[in-house]
N, C-alpha and C. Protein backbone atom coordinates (compact mmCIF):
# COMPACT_ATOMS: atom_id res chain seq x y z
N MET A 1 0.84 -1.20 0.00
CA MET A 1 0.00 0.00 0.00
C MET A 1 0.87 1.25 0.00
N GLN A 2 0.30 2.33 -0.47
CA GLN A 2 0.99 3.61 -0.42
C GLN A 2 -0.01 4.73 -0.16
N LEU A 3 0.48 5.77 0.50
CA LEU A 3 -0.34 6.95 0.78
C LEU A 3 0.08 8.07 -0.14
N ILE A 4 -0.83 8.52 -0.99
CA ILE A 4 -0.57 9.70 -1.81
C ILE A 4 -0.84 10.91 -0.92
N ASN A 5 0.18 11.73 -0.74
CA ASN A 5 0.25 12.66 0.38
C ASN A 5 0.71 14.05 -0.06
N LEU A 6 0.25 15.05 0.69
CA LEU A 6 0.79 16.41 0.64
C LEU A 6 1.13 16.80 2.07
N ASP A 7 2.38 17.17 2.33
CA ASP A 7 2.81 17.41 3.70
C ASP A 7 2.06 18.55 4.37
N HIS A 8 1.63 19.56 3.61
CA HIS A 8 0.99 20.71 4.24
C HIS A 8 -0.47 20.45 4.61
N SER A 9 -1.04 19.37 4.11
CA SER A 9 -2.46 19.09 4.33
C SER A 9 -2.70 18.51 5.71
N PRO A 10 -3.58 19.12 6.52
CA PRO A 10 -3.91 18.52 7.81
C PRO A 10 -4.62 17.18 7.66
N TYR A 11 -5.30 17.00 6.53
CA TYR A 11 -6.02 15.74 6.29
C TYR A 11 -5.04 14.61 5.99
N ALA A 12 -4.02 14.89 5.18
CA ALA A 12 -2.99 13.89 4.94
C ALA A 12 -2.13 13.68 6.18
N THR A 13 -1.90 14.75 6.94
CA THR A 13 -1.05 14.64 8.12
C THR A 13 -1.66 13.71 9.15
N ARG A 14 -2.97 13.78 9.34
CA ARG A 14 -3.61 12.89 10.32
C ARG A 14 -3.40 11.42 9.93
N VAL A 15 -3.42 11.14 8.64
CA VAL A 15 -3.21 9.76 8.19
C VAL A 15 -1.75 9.36 8.39
N ARG A 16 -0.82 10.25 8.07
CA ARG A 16 0.60 9.94 8.28
C ARG A 16 0.87 9.63 9.75
N ILE A 17 0.28 10.42 10.64
CA ILE A 17 0.48 10.19 12.07
C ILE A 17 -0.01 8.80 12.45
N LEU A 18 -1.20 8.42 11.99
CA LEU A 18 -1.74 7.10 12.34
C LEU A 18 -0.87 5.98 11.77
N ILE A 19 -0.40 6.13 10.54
CA ILE A 19 0.47 5.12 9.94
C ILE A 19 1.70 4.91 10.80
N ARG A 20 2.29 6.00 11.26
CA ARG A 20 3.50 5.87 12.08
C ARG A 20 3.19 5.34 13.47
N LYS A 21 2.07 5.77 14.05
CA LYS A 21 1.69 5.24 15.36
C LYS A 21 1.50 3.73 15.30
N LYS A 22 0.93 3.24 14.21
CA LYS A 22 0.66 1.81 14.06
C LYS A 22 1.85 1.06 13.46
N GLN A 23 2.91 1.82 13.12
CA GLN A 23 4.15 1.24 12.58
C GLN A 23 3.86 0.38 11.34
N LEU A 24 3.11 0.95 10.41
CA LEU A 24 2.70 0.23 9.22
C LEU A 24 3.70 0.46 8.08
N ASP A 25 3.88 -0.56 7.28
CA ASP A 25 4.79 -0.49 6.14
C ASP A 25 4.02 0.04 4.93
N ILE A 26 3.75 1.33 4.96
CA ILE A 26 3.01 1.99 3.89
C ILE A 26 3.87 3.13 3.37
N ALA A 27 4.18 3.10 2.08
CA ALA A 27 5.00 4.15 1.49
C ALA A 27 4.21 5.45 1.42
N ILE A 28 4.88 6.55 1.74
CA ILE A 28 4.26 7.88 1.67
C ILE A 28 4.87 8.61 0.47
N VAL A 29 4.03 8.89 -0.53
CA VAL A 29 4.52 9.41 -1.81
C VAL A 29 3.75 10.67 -2.19
N SER A 30 4.36 11.45 -3.07
CA SER A 30 3.71 12.64 -3.61
C SER A 30 2.82 12.26 -4.79
N PRO A 31 1.83 13.09 -5.12
CA PRO A 31 0.98 12.79 -6.28
C PRO A 31 1.81 12.73 -7.56
N ASN A 32 1.47 11.81 -8.45
CA ASN A 32 2.19 11.70 -9.72
C ASN A 32 1.49 12.46 -10.85
N LEU A 33 0.38 13.12 -10.50
CA LEU A 33 -0.35 13.94 -11.45
C LEU A 33 -0.61 15.31 -10.82
N ALA A 34 -0.62 16.35 -11.63
CA ALA A 34 -0.89 17.69 -11.12
C ALA A 34 -2.32 17.76 -10.59
N LEU A 35 -2.47 18.37 -9.42
CA LEU A 35 -3.79 18.45 -8.79
C LEU A 35 -4.76 19.26 -9.65
N LYS A 36 -6.03 18.85 -9.58
CA LYS A 36 -7.15 19.57 -10.22
C LYS A 36 -7.10 19.55 -11.75
N THR A 37 -6.19 18.80 -12.33
CA THR A 37 -6.15 18.68 -13.78
C THR A 37 -7.14 17.61 -14.23
N PRO A 38 -7.53 17.63 -15.50
CA PRO A 38 -8.42 16.56 -16.00
C PRO A 38 -7.84 15.17 -15.77
N GLU A 39 -6.52 15.05 -15.91
CA GLU A 39 -5.88 13.75 -15.72
C GLU A 39 -6.00 13.29 -14.27
N PHE A 40 -5.81 14.21 -13.33
CA PHE A 40 -5.94 13.87 -11.91
C PHE A 40 -7.37 13.45 -11.59
N LEU A 41 -8.34 14.22 -12.08
CA LEU A 41 -9.74 13.93 -11.79
C LEU A 41 -10.20 12.64 -12.47
N ALA A 42 -9.61 12.32 -13.61
CA ALA A 42 -9.95 11.06 -14.26
C ALA A 42 -9.45 9.88 -13.46
N ALA A 43 -8.26 10.03 -12.87
CA ALA A 43 -7.69 8.94 -12.07
C ALA A 43 -8.32 8.86 -10.69
N TYR A 44 -8.63 10.03 -10.12
CA TYR A 44 -9.15 10.09 -8.74
C TYR A 44 -10.39 11.00 -8.74
N PRO A 45 -11.56 10.44 -8.99
CA PRO A 45 -12.77 11.26 -9.25
C PRO A 45 -13.14 12.24 -8.14
N LEU A 46 -12.84 11.93 -6.87
CA LEU A 46 -13.19 12.87 -5.81
C LEU A 46 -12.24 14.06 -5.77
N GLY A 47 -11.09 13.93 -6.41
CA GLY A 47 -10.20 15.07 -6.62
C GLY A 47 -9.49 15.59 -5.39
N LYS A 48 -9.31 14.74 -4.38
CA LYS A 48 -8.70 15.22 -3.14
C LYS A 48 -7.57 14.31 -2.68
N ILE A 49 -6.66 14.90 -1.93
CA ILE A 49 -5.57 14.21 -1.24
C ILE A 49 -5.88 14.26 0.25
N PRO A 50 -5.65 13.18 1.01
CA PRO A 50 -4.86 11.98 0.70
C PRO A 50 -5.68 10.90 0.00
N LEU A 51 -4.93 9.95 -0.54
CA LEU A 51 -5.50 8.75 -1.14
C LEU A 51 -4.66 7.56 -0.69
N LEU A 52 -5.31 6.49 -0.32
CA LEU A 52 -4.59 5.27 0.05
C LEU A 52 -4.64 4.32 -1.13
N GLY A 53 -3.46 4.06 -1.72
CA GLY A 53 -3.36 3.10 -2.81
C GLY A 53 -3.34 1.68 -2.25
N LEU A 54 -4.33 0.89 -2.61
CA LEU A 54 -4.44 -0.47 -2.09
C LEU A 54 -3.68 -1.45 -2.99
N ASP A 55 -3.40 -2.62 -2.43
CA ASP A 55 -2.63 -3.61 -3.17
C ASP A 55 -3.38 -4.14 -4.39
N ASN A 56 -4.71 -3.98 -4.42
CA ASN A 56 -5.49 -4.46 -5.57
C ASN A 56 -5.61 -3.41 -6.67
N GLY A 57 -4.90 -2.29 -6.51
CA GLY A 57 -4.91 -1.24 -7.52
C GLY A 57 -5.95 -0.16 -7.31
N GLN A 58 -6.85 -0.35 -6.37
CA GLN A 58 -7.85 0.66 -6.08
C GLN A 58 -7.26 1.76 -5.19
N TYR A 59 -7.95 2.91 -5.16
CA TYR A 59 -7.53 4.02 -4.32
C TYR A 59 -8.68 4.42 -3.41
N LEU A 60 -8.38 4.49 -2.12
CA LEU A 60 -9.39 4.85 -1.13
C LEU A 60 -9.22 6.32 -0.77
N PRO A 61 -10.25 7.17 -0.99
CA PRO A 61 -10.15 8.58 -0.64
C PRO A 61 -10.70 8.85 0.76
N GLU A 62 -10.62 10.11 1.16
CA GLU A 62 -11.19 10.62 2.41
C GLU A 62 -10.41 10.12 3.64
N SER A 63 -9.80 11.07 4.33
CA SER A 63 -8.87 10.74 5.42
C SER A 63 -9.51 9.90 6.52
N ILE A 64 -10.72 10.23 6.93
CA ILE A 64 -11.36 9.46 8.00
C ILE A 64 -11.62 8.03 7.54
N ALA A 65 -12.09 7.86 6.30
CA ALA A 65 -12.32 6.52 5.77
C ALA A 65 -11.01 5.73 5.72
N ILE A 66 -9.93 6.39 5.33
CA ILE A 66 -8.63 5.73 5.30
C ILE A 66 -8.22 5.28 6.70
N MET A 67 -8.38 6.16 7.68
CA MET A 67 -7.99 5.83 9.05
C MET A 67 -8.83 4.68 9.60
N GLU A 68 -10.12 4.71 9.35
CA GLU A 68 -10.99 3.63 9.80
C GLU A 68 -10.60 2.31 9.13
N TYR A 69 -10.28 2.37 7.86
CA TYR A 69 -9.86 1.17 7.13
C TYR A 69 -8.59 0.59 7.75
N LEU A 70 -7.62 1.44 8.03
CA LEU A 70 -6.36 0.97 8.63
C LEU A 70 -6.60 0.38 10.01
N GLU A 71 -7.51 0.97 10.77
CA GLU A 71 -7.84 0.41 12.08
C GLU A 71 -8.50 -0.97 11.93
N ASP A 72 -9.34 -1.14 10.93
CA ASP A 72 -10.01 -2.42 10.72
C ASP A 72 -9.04 -3.49 10.23
N VAL A 73 -8.14 -3.11 9.34
CA VAL A 73 -7.22 -4.09 8.75
C VAL A 73 -6.09 -4.43 9.72
N TYR A 74 -5.67 -3.45 10.52
CA TYR A 74 -4.57 -3.66 11.46
C TYR A 74 -5.06 -3.32 12.88
N PRO A 75 -5.85 -4.21 13.49
CA PRO A 75 -6.50 -3.88 14.77
C PRO A 75 -5.65 -4.10 16.01
N THR A 76 -4.46 -4.68 15.85
CA THR A 76 -3.72 -5.07 17.06
C THR A 76 -3.25 -3.88 17.87
N GLN A 77 -2.79 -2.83 17.21
CA GLN A 77 -2.36 -1.61 17.91
C GLN A 77 -3.36 -0.52 17.56
N THR A 78 -4.42 -0.45 18.34
CA THR A 78 -5.56 0.39 17.96
C THR A 78 -5.54 1.75 18.65
N PHE A 79 -6.02 2.74 17.93
CA PHE A 79 -6.22 4.08 18.50
C PHE A 79 -7.70 4.45 18.46
N ARG A 80 -8.52 3.41 18.31
CA ARG A 80 -9.96 3.53 18.38
C ARG A 80 -10.40 2.83 19.67
N PRO A 81 -10.79 3.58 20.68
CA PRO A 81 -11.08 2.97 21.99
C PRO A 81 -12.10 1.85 21.90
N ASN A 82 -11.91 0.83 22.74
CA ASN A 82 -12.83 -0.31 22.76
C ASN A 82 -14.11 0.01 23.54
N GLU A 83 -13.98 0.81 24.59
CA GLU A 83 -15.14 1.14 25.42
C GLU A 83 -16.06 2.06 24.63
N PRO A 84 -17.35 1.77 24.55
CA PRO A 84 -18.25 2.51 23.65
C PRO A 84 -18.26 4.02 23.86
N LEU A 85 -18.33 4.47 25.11
CA LEU A 85 -18.39 5.91 25.34
C LEU A 85 -17.08 6.58 24.96
N ALA A 86 -15.96 5.95 25.29
CA ALA A 86 -14.66 6.50 24.91
C ALA A 86 -14.53 6.56 23.39
N ALA A 87 -15.02 5.54 22.71
CA ALA A 87 -14.99 5.54 21.24
C ALA A 87 -15.85 6.66 20.68
N ALA A 88 -17.02 6.87 21.29
CA ALA A 88 -17.90 7.95 20.84
C ALA A 88 -17.25 9.31 21.04
N LYS A 89 -16.57 9.49 22.16
CA LYS A 89 -15.90 10.77 22.42
C LYS A 89 -14.78 11.01 21.41
N SER A 90 -14.08 9.96 21.04
CA SER A 90 -13.06 10.09 20.00
C SER A 90 -13.69 10.55 18.69
N ARG A 91 -14.84 9.98 18.36
CA ARG A 91 -15.54 10.38 17.13
C ARG A 91 -16.05 11.82 17.21
N VAL A 92 -16.41 12.26 18.41
CA VAL A 92 -16.83 13.66 18.58
C VAL A 92 -15.69 14.60 18.20
N LEU A 93 -14.48 14.31 18.69
CA LEU A 93 -13.33 15.16 18.36
C LEU A 93 -13.09 15.20 16.86
N ALA A 94 -13.17 14.04 16.22
CA ALA A 94 -12.95 14.00 14.77
C ALA A 94 -14.04 14.78 14.04
N SER A 95 -15.28 14.58 14.44
CA SER A 95 -16.39 15.28 13.79
C SER A 95 -16.31 16.78 14.02
N PHE A 96 -15.99 17.19 15.24
CA PHE A 96 -15.87 18.62 15.55
C PHE A 96 -14.81 19.26 14.66
N THR A 97 -13.71 18.55 14.46
CA THR A 97 -12.64 19.09 13.63
C THR A 97 -13.13 19.44 12.24
N ASP A 98 -13.87 18.53 11.62
CA ASP A 98 -14.24 18.70 10.22
C ASP A 98 -15.54 19.46 10.01
N THR A 99 -16.40 19.51 11.03
CA THR A 99 -17.69 20.19 10.84
C THR A 99 -17.79 21.53 11.58
N HIS A 100 -16.86 21.80 12.47
CA HIS A 100 -16.87 23.07 13.21
C HIS A 100 -15.58 23.86 13.00
N LEU A 101 -14.44 23.25 13.35
CA LEU A 101 -13.19 24.02 13.34
C LEU A 101 -12.71 24.32 11.92
N ALA A 102 -12.65 23.32 11.07
CA ALA A 102 -12.16 23.56 9.71
C ALA A 102 -13.01 24.58 8.95
N PRO A 103 -14.35 24.52 9.01
CA PRO A 103 -15.14 25.56 8.33
C PRO A 103 -14.89 26.96 8.90
N ALA A 104 -14.64 27.06 10.21
CA ALA A 104 -14.36 28.37 10.80
C ALA A 104 -13.05 28.95 10.28
N LEU A 105 -12.10 28.07 9.95
CA LEU A 105 -10.79 28.52 9.46
C LEU A 105 -10.77 28.73 7.94
N LEU A 106 -11.79 28.27 7.25
CA LEU A 106 -11.77 28.26 5.78
C LEU A 106 -11.49 29.63 5.16
N PRO A 107 -12.09 30.73 5.62
CA PRO A 107 -11.78 32.02 4.99
C PRO A 107 -10.29 32.38 5.08
N TYR A 108 -9.65 32.00 6.17
CA TYR A 108 -8.21 32.28 6.31
C TYR A 108 -7.41 31.48 5.29
N PHE A 109 -7.77 30.21 5.08
CA PHE A 109 -7.10 29.39 4.08
C PHE A 109 -7.30 29.98 2.68
N LYS A 110 -8.52 30.40 2.38
CA LYS A 110 -8.81 30.96 1.06
C LYS A 110 -8.00 32.22 0.82
N ALA A 111 -7.85 33.03 1.87
CA ALA A 111 -7.08 34.27 1.73
C ALA A 111 -5.61 33.99 1.45
N MET A 112 -5.09 32.88 2.00
CA MET A 112 -3.70 32.52 1.74
C MET A 112 -3.52 32.07 0.29
N MET A 113 -4.51 31.37 -0.24
CA MET A 113 -4.38 30.79 -1.57
C MET A 113 -4.82 31.74 -2.68
N LEU A 114 -5.75 32.65 -2.35
CA LEU A 114 -6.32 33.56 -3.35
C LEU A 114 -6.11 35.00 -2.90
N PRO A 115 -5.09 35.68 -3.40
CA PRO A 115 -4.80 37.05 -2.95
C PRO A 115 -5.97 38.01 -3.10
N GLU A 116 -6.85 37.76 -4.07
CA GLU A 116 -7.97 38.66 -4.29
C GLU A 116 -9.12 38.42 -3.31
N PHE A 117 -9.07 37.33 -2.55
CA PHE A 117 -10.17 37.00 -1.64
C PHE A 117 -10.07 37.85 -0.37
N THR A 118 -11.18 38.45 0.03
CA THR A 118 -11.22 39.24 1.26
C THR A 118 -12.38 38.77 2.13
N PHE A 119 -12.26 39.02 3.42
CA PHE A 119 -13.32 38.66 4.36
C PHE A 119 -13.23 39.57 5.56
N ASP A 120 -14.29 39.61 6.35
CA ASP A 120 -14.33 40.45 7.55
C ASP A 120 -13.53 39.75 8.64
N GLN A 121 -12.33 40.22 8.88
CA GLN A 121 -11.43 39.55 9.82
C GLN A 121 -11.97 39.60 11.25
N SER A 122 -12.59 40.69 11.63
CA SER A 122 -13.12 40.81 12.99
C SER A 122 -14.24 39.81 13.23
N VAL A 123 -15.14 39.71 12.27
CA VAL A 123 -16.26 38.76 12.40
C VAL A 123 -15.74 37.33 12.44
N GLN A 124 -14.81 37.01 11.55
CA GLN A 124 -14.34 35.63 11.49
C GLN A 124 -13.49 35.26 12.70
N TYR A 125 -12.76 36.23 13.23
CA TYR A 125 -12.02 35.99 14.48
C TYR A 125 -12.99 35.56 15.57
N ASP A 126 -14.10 36.26 15.67
CA ASP A 126 -15.10 35.92 16.69
C ASP A 126 -15.67 34.52 16.46
N VAL A 127 -15.87 34.16 15.19
CA VAL A 127 -16.38 32.82 14.87
C VAL A 127 -15.40 31.75 15.35
N VAL A 128 -14.13 31.95 15.06
CA VAL A 128 -13.11 30.98 15.48
C VAL A 128 -13.01 30.94 17.00
N ARG A 129 -13.04 32.10 17.63
CA ARG A 129 -12.94 32.15 19.09
C ARG A 129 -14.10 31.39 19.75
N VAL A 130 -15.31 31.61 19.29
CA VAL A 130 -16.46 30.90 19.86
C VAL A 130 -16.32 29.39 19.63
N THR A 131 -15.84 29.02 18.46
CA THR A 131 -15.63 27.60 18.17
C THR A 131 -14.63 26.98 19.14
N LEU A 132 -13.55 27.70 19.40
CA LEU A 132 -12.53 27.19 20.32
C LEU A 132 -13.03 27.17 21.76
N GLU A 133 -13.86 28.13 22.12
CA GLU A 133 -14.45 28.13 23.47
C GLU A 133 -15.32 26.89 23.67
N LYS A 134 -16.09 26.53 22.65
CA LYS A 134 -16.90 25.31 22.72
C LYS A 134 -16.01 24.08 22.90
N LEU A 135 -14.93 24.03 22.14
CA LEU A 135 -14.02 22.90 22.23
C LEU A 135 -13.37 22.82 23.60
N ASP A 136 -12.97 23.96 24.14
CA ASP A 136 -12.38 24.00 25.48
C ASP A 136 -13.35 23.45 26.53
N GLN A 137 -14.59 23.89 26.45
CA GLN A 137 -15.60 23.43 27.41
C GLN A 137 -15.87 21.93 27.26
N TRP A 138 -15.92 21.46 26.03
CA TRP A 138 -16.19 20.03 25.82
C TRP A 138 -15.03 19.17 26.32
N LEU A 139 -13.82 19.58 26.02
CA LEU A 139 -12.65 18.83 26.49
C LEU A 139 -12.62 18.78 28.01
N LYS A 140 -12.88 19.91 28.64
CA LYS A 140 -12.85 19.97 30.10
C LYS A 140 -13.85 19.02 30.72
N ALA A 141 -15.01 18.88 30.11
CA ALA A 141 -16.08 18.03 30.65
C ALA A 141 -15.91 16.56 30.29
N ASN A 142 -15.13 16.26 29.26
CA ASN A 142 -15.14 14.90 28.73
C ASN A 142 -13.79 14.20 28.61
N VAL A 143 -12.70 14.93 28.75
CA VAL A 143 -11.38 14.33 28.57
C VAL A 143 -10.51 14.62 29.79
N ASP A 144 -10.13 13.57 30.50
CA ASP A 144 -9.23 13.69 31.65
C ASP A 144 -7.82 13.39 31.17
N LEU A 145 -7.03 14.43 30.99
CA LEU A 145 -5.70 14.26 30.42
C LEU A 145 -4.78 13.42 31.30
N LYS A 146 -5.10 13.29 32.58
CA LYS A 146 -4.28 12.48 33.47
C LYS A 146 -4.44 10.99 33.18
N ASP A 147 -5.54 10.63 32.54
CA ASP A 147 -5.83 9.22 32.27
C ASP A 147 -6.35 9.07 30.85
N HIS A 148 -5.66 9.70 29.90
CA HIS A 148 -6.15 9.74 28.52
C HIS A 148 -5.07 9.25 27.58
N GLY A 149 -5.37 8.18 26.86
CA GLY A 149 -4.47 7.71 25.83
C GLY A 149 -4.82 8.32 24.49
N LEU A 150 -3.83 8.46 23.63
CA LEU A 150 -4.04 9.07 22.32
C LEU A 150 -5.07 8.27 21.52
N THR A 151 -6.06 8.97 20.97
CA THR A 151 -7.12 8.34 20.18
C THR A 151 -7.11 8.90 18.75
N MET A 152 -7.89 8.26 17.89
CA MET A 152 -8.04 8.78 16.54
C MET A 152 -8.57 10.21 16.56
N GLY A 153 -9.45 10.52 17.50
CA GLY A 153 -9.97 11.87 17.59
C GLY A 153 -8.88 12.90 17.83
N ASP A 154 -7.96 12.59 18.73
CA ASP A 154 -6.82 13.49 18.98
C ASP A 154 -5.97 13.64 17.73
N ILE A 155 -5.74 12.51 17.04
CA ILE A 155 -4.90 12.51 15.84
C ILE A 155 -5.55 13.33 14.73
N VAL A 156 -6.86 13.29 14.63
CA VAL A 156 -7.58 14.08 13.63
C VAL A 156 -7.52 15.57 13.96
N LEU A 157 -7.74 15.90 15.21
CA LEU A 157 -7.82 17.31 15.62
C LEU A 157 -6.47 18.02 15.58
N ALA A 158 -5.41 17.35 16.00
CA ALA A 158 -4.13 18.03 16.20
C ALA A 158 -3.62 18.78 14.97
N PRO A 159 -3.57 18.17 13.78
CA PRO A 159 -3.04 18.91 12.63
C PRO A 159 -3.87 20.14 12.26
N THR A 160 -5.18 20.04 12.35
CA THR A 160 -6.03 21.21 12.05
C THR A 160 -5.86 22.29 13.10
N PHE A 161 -5.73 21.88 14.36
CA PHE A 161 -5.54 22.87 15.42
C PHE A 161 -4.23 23.63 15.23
N TRP A 162 -3.20 22.97 14.73
CA TRP A 162 -1.93 23.67 14.47
C TRP A 162 -2.16 24.87 13.55
N TRP A 163 -3.07 24.72 12.60
CA TRP A 163 -3.31 25.80 11.64
C TRP A 163 -4.02 27.00 12.25
N VAL A 164 -4.60 26.84 13.44
CA VAL A 164 -5.30 27.97 14.07
C VAL A 164 -4.34 29.15 14.25
N ASP A 165 -3.20 28.89 14.84
CA ASP A 165 -2.25 29.98 15.09
C ASP A 165 -1.66 30.49 13.79
N VAL A 166 -1.42 29.59 12.84
CA VAL A 166 -0.81 29.99 11.57
C VAL A 166 -1.75 30.89 10.78
N THR A 167 -3.04 30.56 10.77
CA THR A 167 -4.00 31.33 9.97
C THR A 167 -4.50 32.56 10.72
N VAL A 168 -5.15 32.34 11.85
CA VAL A 168 -5.69 33.47 12.62
C VAL A 168 -4.55 34.33 13.15
N GLY A 169 -3.47 33.71 13.54
CA GLY A 169 -2.34 34.45 14.10
C GLY A 169 -1.71 35.42 13.13
N ALA A 170 -1.88 35.18 11.83
CA ALA A 170 -1.33 36.09 10.84
C ALA A 170 -2.09 37.41 10.79
N TYR A 171 -3.31 37.43 11.34
CA TYR A 171 -4.16 38.61 11.31
C TYR A 171 -4.36 39.23 12.69
N ALA A 172 -4.35 38.40 13.73
CA ALA A 172 -4.71 38.86 15.07
C ALA A 172 -3.50 39.39 15.83
N LYS A 173 -3.75 40.33 16.73
CA LYS A 173 -2.69 40.91 17.55
C LYS A 173 -2.49 40.13 18.85
N ASN A 174 -3.44 39.28 19.19
CA ASN A 174 -3.31 38.51 20.43
C ASN A 174 -3.56 37.04 20.14
N ASN A 175 -3.15 36.17 21.07
CA ASN A 175 -3.31 34.73 20.92
C ASN A 175 -4.78 34.37 21.10
N ILE A 176 -5.36 33.76 20.10
CA ILE A 176 -6.80 33.49 20.13
C ILE A 176 -7.18 32.45 21.18
N THR A 177 -6.21 31.70 21.69
CA THR A 177 -6.53 30.70 22.71
C THR A 177 -6.26 31.20 24.13
N ASP A 178 -5.99 32.48 24.28
CA ASP A 178 -5.78 33.03 25.63
C ASP A 178 -6.99 32.73 26.51
N GLY A 179 -6.74 32.20 27.71
CA GLY A 179 -7.81 31.92 28.65
C GLY A 179 -8.49 30.58 28.46
N LEU A 180 -8.18 29.89 27.39
CA LEU A 180 -8.77 28.56 27.14
C LEU A 180 -7.82 27.51 27.71
N ASP A 181 -7.79 27.44 29.02
CA ASP A 181 -6.73 26.70 29.72
C ASP A 181 -6.74 25.21 29.40
N TYR A 182 -7.93 24.60 29.36
CA TYR A 182 -7.95 23.16 29.14
C TYR A 182 -7.58 22.82 27.70
N LEU A 183 -8.01 23.63 26.77
CA LEU A 183 -7.63 23.43 25.37
C LEU A 183 -6.12 23.56 25.21
N ASN A 184 -5.53 24.55 25.86
CA ASN A 184 -4.08 24.73 25.79
C ASN A 184 -3.34 23.57 26.45
N GLN A 185 -3.89 23.04 27.53
CA GLN A 185 -3.28 21.87 28.16
C GLN A 185 -3.34 20.67 27.23
N TRP A 186 -4.49 20.48 26.56
CA TRP A 186 -4.60 19.38 25.59
C TRP A 186 -3.57 19.55 24.48
N TRP A 187 -3.41 20.77 23.98
CA TRP A 187 -2.47 21.03 22.89
C TRP A 187 -1.05 20.70 23.33
N ASP A 188 -0.66 21.11 24.52
CA ASP A 188 0.67 20.78 25.02
C ASP A 188 0.83 19.27 25.15
N TRP A 189 -0.23 18.60 25.58
CA TRP A 189 -0.18 17.15 25.76
C TRP A 189 -0.06 16.42 24.43
N VAL A 190 -0.89 16.77 23.45
CA VAL A 190 -0.93 16.00 22.22
C VAL A 190 0.31 16.22 21.37
N ARG A 191 0.85 17.42 21.35
CA ARG A 191 2.02 17.66 20.51
C ARG A 191 3.30 17.19 21.16
N ASN A 192 3.21 16.63 22.36
CA ASN A 192 4.36 15.99 23.00
C ASN A 192 4.57 14.58 22.46
N ASP A 193 3.56 14.04 21.78
CA ASP A 193 3.71 12.73 21.15
C ASP A 193 4.67 12.84 19.97
N ALA A 194 5.61 11.91 19.86
CA ALA A 194 6.67 12.01 18.86
C ALA A 194 6.13 12.00 17.43
N ASP A 195 5.14 11.17 17.16
CA ASP A 195 4.61 11.09 15.79
C ASP A 195 3.74 12.29 15.45
N VAL A 196 2.99 12.78 16.42
CA VAL A 196 2.24 14.02 16.22
C VAL A 196 3.21 15.17 15.96
N LYS A 197 4.27 15.21 16.75
CA LYS A 197 5.27 16.26 16.59
C LYS A 197 5.90 16.22 15.20
N GLN A 198 6.20 15.02 14.71
CA GLN A 198 6.79 14.89 13.38
C GLN A 198 5.82 15.36 12.31
N GLY A 199 4.56 14.98 12.43
CA GLY A 199 3.57 15.42 11.46
C GLY A 199 3.43 16.92 11.41
N ILE A 200 3.41 17.54 12.58
CA ILE A 200 3.30 19.00 12.65
C ILE A 200 4.54 19.66 12.07
N SER A 201 5.71 19.09 12.35
CA SER A 201 6.95 19.63 11.80
C SER A 201 6.95 19.57 10.27
N GLU A 202 6.43 18.49 9.72
CA GLU A 202 6.35 18.37 8.26
C GLU A 202 5.39 19.41 7.69
N MET A 203 4.27 19.65 8.35
CA MET A 203 3.35 20.69 7.89
C MET A 203 4.02 22.06 7.93
N ALA A 204 4.73 22.33 9.02
CA ALA A 204 5.38 23.63 9.18
C ALA A 204 6.42 23.85 8.09
N SER A 205 7.20 22.82 7.77
CA SER A 205 8.21 22.93 6.73
C SER A 205 7.57 23.16 5.36
N ALA A 206 6.48 22.44 5.10
CA ALA A 206 5.80 22.60 3.81
C ALA A 206 5.18 23.99 3.70
N PHE A 207 4.62 24.50 4.79
CA PHE A 207 4.02 25.83 4.76
C PHE A 207 5.10 26.90 4.58
N ALA A 208 6.25 26.72 5.22
CA ALA A 208 7.35 27.67 5.06
C ALA A 208 7.82 27.70 3.61
N ALA A 209 7.86 26.54 2.97
CA ALA A 209 8.25 26.48 1.55
C ALA A 209 7.22 27.20 0.69
N PHE A 210 5.94 27.03 1.02
CA PHE A 210 4.87 27.73 0.29
C PHE A 210 5.03 29.25 0.43
N GLN A 211 5.32 29.71 1.63
CA GLN A 211 5.49 31.14 1.85
C GLN A 211 6.66 31.69 1.05
N ARG A 212 7.74 30.92 0.96
CA ARG A 212 8.90 31.37 0.18
C ARG A 212 8.54 31.48 -1.31
N GLN A 213 7.72 30.57 -1.78
CA GLN A 213 7.30 30.62 -3.18
C GLN A 213 6.42 31.83 -3.46
N GLN A 214 5.61 32.22 -2.45
CA GLN A 214 4.69 33.35 -2.62
C GLN A 214 5.40 34.69 -2.52
N ALA A 215 6.56 34.70 -1.88
CA ALA A 215 7.28 35.96 -1.63
C ALA A 215 7.82 36.55 -2.94
């Protein structure tokens, strides 16, 4: 198997982290076709990275589907909790990432990619802040970091959360997570994991290269 990957993508990064946590022999490769071209879309109809190339020649899209597949195929070292409530809480973190946090950050991403794109920075800052306040409250009520093992939910959230400071921080004069003590504690905890740290480092390097190209 191989993972078609882009280092700057939080969606690909979450899969890379899981592959390394599970110590899987899966090659991590760059796309062999230019993104968004007719050739790329013909080969990969959903048009997104990451993609898991299977041994039968098929390609599995969508990061969460890839992670669930890897957990099913390689269940011995699992990051999907066995206890039902713990498993549900892990899924909450993953769902929150993609349905709350990522949409709140989307205007900032668009502004980085499209110089002509503008948005109300004050309004969007408030949207992101409220989103993070909700996450802080949920973590405080549901995750005891003293007795918490790394889950798929943490692995999904961490790469996207890294982008909060990179995107919002480029516009804001203050740290948007000020006062969100439990969220900050979770962030310190999760990025202390060696594989999470490596994934974040790869994103940071890829983003720095992008900035140099834009300069």
